[in-house]
Amino acid sequence: MRSARNDRGSDKKKRRGPPRRKVCPFCADRNVKIDYKNPSAIKRLVTERGKIVPRRISGVCAKHQRQVALAIKRARHIALMPYAATGAAA
């Protein structure tokens, strides 16, 4: 009879301590600008379905998350980015 410990991910490494903090990419690199006219730069902060990725997932700080949300909304308004994913319903 096997023990429960060997059956469940014994080959995985145990993570101890607090999780690593995400660093805001816009604070880390001052040269990167958040601009609604450049949708390719802010496309990675939007899901495939067209939703804005939350801060806890993307790691963007509160100040820059507000700027990102505004840039995405402006890009959507002038049709540089889609409001939602196109195609058939799943």
N, C-alpha and C. Protein backbone atom coordinates (compact mmCIF):
# COMPACT_ATOMS: atom_id res chain seq x y z
N MET A 1 0.83 -1.18 0.00
CA MET A 1 0.00 0.00 0.00
C MET A 1 0.88 1.25 0.00
N ARG A 2 0.56 2.17 -0.89
CA ARG A 2 1.33 3.42 -0.97
C ARG A 2 0.81 4.44 0.01
N SER A 3 1.71 5.33 0.38
CA SER A 3 1.26 6.42 1.25
C SER A 3 0.68 7.54 0.41
N ALA A 4 -0.15 8.36 1.00
CA ALA A 4 -0.80 9.46 0.28
C ALA A 4 0.22 10.49 -0.19
N ARG A 5 1.31 10.63 0.52
CA ARG A 5 2.32 11.62 0.17
C ARG A 5 2.98 11.29 -1.17
N ASN A 6 3.23 10.03 -1.44
CA ASN A 6 3.87 9.64 -2.69
C ASN A 6 2.93 9.75 -3.88
N ASP A 7 1.64 9.64 -3.66
CA ASP A 7 0.68 9.70 -4.75
C ASP A 7 0.45 11.12 -5.25
N ARG A 8 0.59 12.08 -4.39
CA ARG A 8 0.26 13.46 -4.76
C ARG A 8 1.49 14.32 -4.93
N GLY A 9 1.99 14.41 -6.13
CA GLY A 9 3.03 15.36 -6.48
C GLY A 9 4.26 15.35 -5.63
N SER A 10 4.79 14.18 -5.33
CA SER A 10 6.00 14.13 -4.52
C SER A 10 7.20 14.68 -5.27
N ASP A 11 7.11 14.70 -6.62
CA ASP A 11 8.23 15.21 -7.41
C ASP A 11 8.21 16.73 -7.53
N LYS A 12 7.13 17.36 -7.08
CA LYS A 12 7.05 18.82 -7.12
C LYS A 12 7.83 19.42 -5.96
N LYS A 13 8.37 20.59 -6.20
CA LYS A 13 9.10 21.29 -5.16
C LYS A 13 8.12 22.05 -4.27
N LYS A 14 8.32 21.97 -2.98
CA LYS A 14 7.46 22.70 -2.05
C LYS A 14 7.92 24.15 -2.00
N ARG A 15 7.00 25.06 -2.09
CA ARG A 15 7.33 26.48 -2.01
C ARG A 15 7.10 26.94 -0.58
N ARG A 16 8.12 27.50 0.00
CA ARG A 16 8.02 27.97 1.38
C ARG A 16 8.15 29.48 1.42
N GLY A 17 7.46 30.08 2.34
CA GLY A 17 7.53 31.52 2.48
C GLY A 17 6.51 32.24 1.62
N PRO A 18 6.51 33.54 1.69
CA PRO A 18 5.53 34.31 0.91
C PRO A 18 5.81 34.24 -0.58
N PRO A 19 4.77 34.36 -1.41
CA PRO A 19 5.01 34.35 -2.86
C PRO A 19 5.78 35.58 -3.31
N ARG A 20 6.45 35.44 -4.44
CA ARG A 20 7.26 36.55 -4.96
C ARG A 20 6.40 37.67 -5.46
N ARG A 21 6.76 38.91 -5.13
CA ARG A 21 5.98 40.06 -5.57
C ARG A 21 6.23 40.32 -7.05
N LYS A 22 5.14 40.67 -7.74
CA LYS A 22 5.27 41.01 -9.15
C LYS A 22 5.72 42.46 -9.26
N VAL A 23 6.55 42.73 -10.21
CA VAL A 23 7.06 44.09 -10.41
C VAL A 23 6.32 44.72 -11.58
N CYS A 24 5.88 45.94 -11.39
CA CYS A 24 5.16 46.66 -12.44
C CYS A 24 6.11 46.90 -13.62
N PRO A 25 5.75 46.44 -14.83
CA PRO A 25 6.65 46.63 -15.97
C PRO A 25 6.81 48.11 -16.36
N PHE A 26 5.83 48.93 -16.03
CA PHE A 26 5.90 50.35 -16.37
C PHE A 26 6.74 51.12 -15.36
N CYS A 27 6.77 50.67 -14.11
CA CYS A 27 7.65 51.29 -13.11
C CYS A 27 9.09 50.84 -13.31
N ALA A 28 9.28 49.58 -13.70
CA ALA A 28 10.63 49.03 -13.88
C ALA A 28 11.33 49.68 -15.06
N ASP A 29 10.61 49.91 -16.16
CA ASP A 29 11.20 50.51 -17.34
C ASP A 29 10.50 51.84 -17.62
N ARG A 30 11.15 52.92 -17.29
CA ARG A 30 10.56 54.25 -17.43
C ARG A 30 10.34 54.66 -18.89
N ASN A 31 11.02 54.01 -19.83
CA ASN A 31 10.90 54.38 -21.24
C ASN A 31 9.62 53.89 -21.88
N VAL A 32 8.98 52.86 -21.29
CA VAL A 32 7.74 52.32 -21.84
C VAL A 32 6.60 53.28 -21.53
N LYS A 33 5.91 53.72 -22.57
CA LYS A 33 4.79 54.64 -22.38
C LYS A 33 3.47 53.91 -22.62
N ILE A 34 2.47 54.28 -21.85
CA ILE A 34 1.13 53.73 -22.03
C ILE A 34 0.40 54.69 -22.95
N ASP A 35 0.13 54.22 -24.18
CA ASP A 35 -0.48 55.09 -25.16
C ASP A 35 -1.58 54.34 -25.89
N TYR A 36 -2.75 54.94 -25.99
CA TYR A 36 -3.88 54.29 -26.65
C TYR A 36 -3.66 54.15 -28.15
N LYS A 37 -2.74 54.96 -28.72
CA LYS A 37 -2.48 54.91 -30.15
C LYS A 37 -1.57 53.73 -30.53
N ASN A 38 -1.07 53.03 -29.54
CA ASN A 38 -0.20 51.87 -29.77
C ASN A 38 -0.85 50.63 -29.14
N PRO A 39 -1.86 50.05 -29.81
CA PRO A 39 -2.58 48.93 -29.20
C PRO A 39 -1.74 47.66 -29.05
N SER A 40 -0.70 47.51 -29.84
CA SER A 40 0.13 46.31 -29.70
C SER A 40 0.85 46.28 -28.35
N ALA A 41 1.13 47.44 -27.78
CA ALA A 41 1.81 47.50 -26.48
C ALA A 41 0.88 47.15 -25.33
N ILE A 42 -0.40 47.48 -25.46
CA ILE A 42 -1.35 47.21 -24.37
C ILE A 42 -2.19 45.97 -24.63
N LYS A 43 -1.96 45.29 -25.75
CA LYS A 43 -2.74 44.09 -26.08
C LYS A 43 -2.49 42.96 -25.10
N ARG A 44 -1.29 42.88 -24.52
CA ARG A 44 -1.00 41.79 -23.58
C ARG A 44 -1.72 41.96 -22.25
N LEU A 45 -2.32 43.13 -22.01
CA LEU A 45 -3.07 43.38 -20.79
C LEU A 45 -4.57 43.18 -20.98
N VAL A 46 -4.92 42.53 -22.11
CA VAL A 46 -6.32 42.21 -22.41
C VAL A 46 -6.39 40.72 -22.71
N THR A 47 -7.43 40.04 -22.20
CA THR A 47 -7.59 38.61 -22.46
C THR A 47 -8.07 38.37 -23.88
N GLU A 48 -8.12 37.08 -24.28
CA GLU A 48 -8.60 36.73 -25.61
C GLU A 48 -10.06 37.13 -25.78
N ARG A 49 -10.78 37.16 -24.68
CA ARG A 49 -12.20 37.50 -24.73
C ARG A 49 -12.44 39.00 -24.72
N GLY A 50 -11.38 39.78 -24.52
CA GLY A 50 -11.51 41.23 -24.57
C GLY A 50 -11.59 41.91 -23.22
N LYS A 51 -11.41 41.16 -22.14
CA LYS A 51 -11.48 41.75 -20.80
C LYS A 51 -10.13 42.32 -20.39
N ILE A 52 -10.16 43.39 -19.61
CA ILE A 52 -8.93 43.98 -19.09
C ILE A 52 -8.43 43.09 -17.95
N VAL A 53 -7.15 42.72 -18.01
CA VAL A 53 -6.56 41.85 -17.00
C VAL A 53 -6.42 42.61 -15.68
N PRO A 54 -6.85 42.02 -14.55
CA PRO A 54 -6.74 42.72 -13.27
C PRO A 54 -5.29 42.85 -12.78
N ARG A 55 -5.10 43.76 -11.85
CA ARG A 55 -3.76 44.04 -11.31
C ARG A 55 -3.11 42.83 -10.68
N ARG A 56 -3.87 42.06 -9.93
CA ARG A 56 -3.29 40.92 -9.22
C ARG A 56 -2.74 39.87 -10.17
N ILE A 57 -3.25 39.83 -11.40
CA ILE A 57 -2.77 38.87 -12.40
C ILE A 57 -1.61 39.47 -13.19
N SER A 58 -1.77 40.71 -13.64
CA SER A 58 -0.76 41.32 -14.51
C SER A 58 0.46 41.84 -13.75
N GLY A 59 0.28 42.21 -12.49
CA GLY A 59 1.39 42.74 -11.70
C GLY A 59 1.63 44.23 -11.89
N VAL A 60 0.70 44.92 -12.54
CA VAL A 60 0.83 46.35 -12.77
C VAL A 60 0.40 47.09 -11.50
N CYS A 61 1.09 48.18 -11.16
CA CYS A 61 0.74 48.94 -9.96
C CYS A 61 -0.57 49.70 -10.19
N ALA A 62 -1.16 50.22 -9.12
CA ALA A 62 -2.48 50.87 -9.18
C ALA A 62 -2.47 52.09 -10.10
N LYS A 63 -1.42 52.89 -10.01
CA LYS A 63 -1.32 54.10 -10.82
C LYS A 63 -1.32 53.75 -12.31
N HIS A 64 -0.49 52.78 -12.69
CA HIS A 64 -0.39 52.41 -14.09
C HIS A 64 -1.59 51.60 -14.56
N GLN A 65 -2.25 50.85 -13.65
CA GLN A 65 -3.44 50.10 -14.04
C GLN A 65 -4.56 51.06 -14.45
N ARG A 66 -4.67 52.18 -13.77
CA ARG A 66 -5.67 53.19 -14.15
C ARG A 66 -5.36 53.76 -15.53
N GLN A 67 -4.08 54.02 -15.80
CA GLN A 67 -3.67 54.53 -17.11
C GLN A 67 -3.90 53.49 -18.21
N VAL A 68 -3.63 52.23 -17.90
CA VAL A 68 -3.83 51.15 -18.86
C VAL A 68 -5.30 51.00 -19.19
N ALA A 69 -6.16 51.01 -18.17
CA ALA A 69 -7.60 50.87 -18.39
C ALA A 69 -8.12 52.02 -19.26
N LEU A 70 -7.66 53.23 -18.98
CA LEU A 70 -8.10 54.38 -19.77
C LEU A 70 -7.61 54.27 -21.21
N ALA A 71 -6.37 53.83 -21.41
CA ALA A 71 -5.81 53.67 -22.75
C ALA A 71 -6.57 52.60 -23.53
N ILE A 72 -6.92 51.49 -22.87
CA ILE A 72 -7.68 50.43 -23.54
C ILE A 72 -9.06 50.93 -23.93
N LYS A 73 -9.71 51.65 -23.04
CA LYS A 73 -11.05 52.17 -23.32
C LYS A 73 -11.01 53.18 -24.47
N ARG A 74 -9.99 54.01 -24.51
CA ARG A 74 -9.85 54.98 -25.60
C ARG A 74 -9.58 54.27 -26.92
N ALA A 75 -8.72 53.25 -26.90
CA ALA A 75 -8.41 52.50 -28.11
C ALA A 75 -9.64 51.76 -28.63
N ARG A 76 -10.46 51.27 -27.72
CA ARG A 76 -11.71 50.62 -28.12
C ARG A 76 -12.67 51.62 -28.76
N HIS A 77 -12.73 52.79 -28.16
CA HIS A 77 -13.67 53.81 -28.63
C HIS A 77 -13.38 54.25 -30.06
N ILE A 78 -12.11 54.36 -30.42
CA ILE A 78 -11.78 54.78 -31.78
C ILE A 78 -11.43 53.58 -32.68
N ALA A 79 -11.86 52.39 -32.26
CA ALA A 79 -11.79 51.15 -33.03
C ALA A 79 -10.36 50.68 -33.34
N LEU A 80 -9.44 50.92 -32.44
CA LEU A 80 -8.10 50.35 -32.59
C LEU A 80 -8.02 48.97 -31.95
N MET A 81 -8.91 48.73 -30.96
CA MET A 81 -8.99 47.44 -30.28
C MET A 81 -10.45 47.02 -30.22
N PRO A 82 -10.71 45.71 -30.23
CA PRO A 82 -12.10 45.25 -30.16
C PRO A 82 -12.64 45.33 -28.72
N TYR A 83 -13.96 45.50 -28.62
CA TYR A 83 -14.61 45.48 -27.32
C TYR A 83 -14.68 44.05 -26.79
N ALA A 84 -14.94 43.10 -27.67
CA ALA A 84 -15.04 41.70 -27.27
C ALA A 84 -14.48 40.82 -28.38
N ALA A 85 -14.31 39.55 -28.05
CA ALA A 85 -13.79 38.61 -29.03
C ALA A 85 -14.82 38.37 -30.12
N THR A 86 -14.36 38.22 -31.34
CA THR A 86 -15.26 37.94 -32.45
C THR A 86 -15.31 36.44 -32.68
N GLY A 87 -16.35 35.97 -33.34
CA GLY A 87 -16.46 34.56 -33.67
C GLY A 87 -17.70 33.95 -33.07
N ALA A 88 -17.82 32.66 -33.21
CA ALA A 88 -19.00 31.95 -32.75
C ALA A 88 -18.99 31.80 -31.23
N ALA A 89 -20.20 31.69 -30.68
CA ALA A 89 -20.32 31.52 -29.23
C ALA A 89 -19.85 30.12 -28.84
N ALA A 90 -19.18 30.05 -27.72
CA ALA A 90 -18.64 28.76 -27.30
C ALA A 90 -19.68 27.95 -26.66
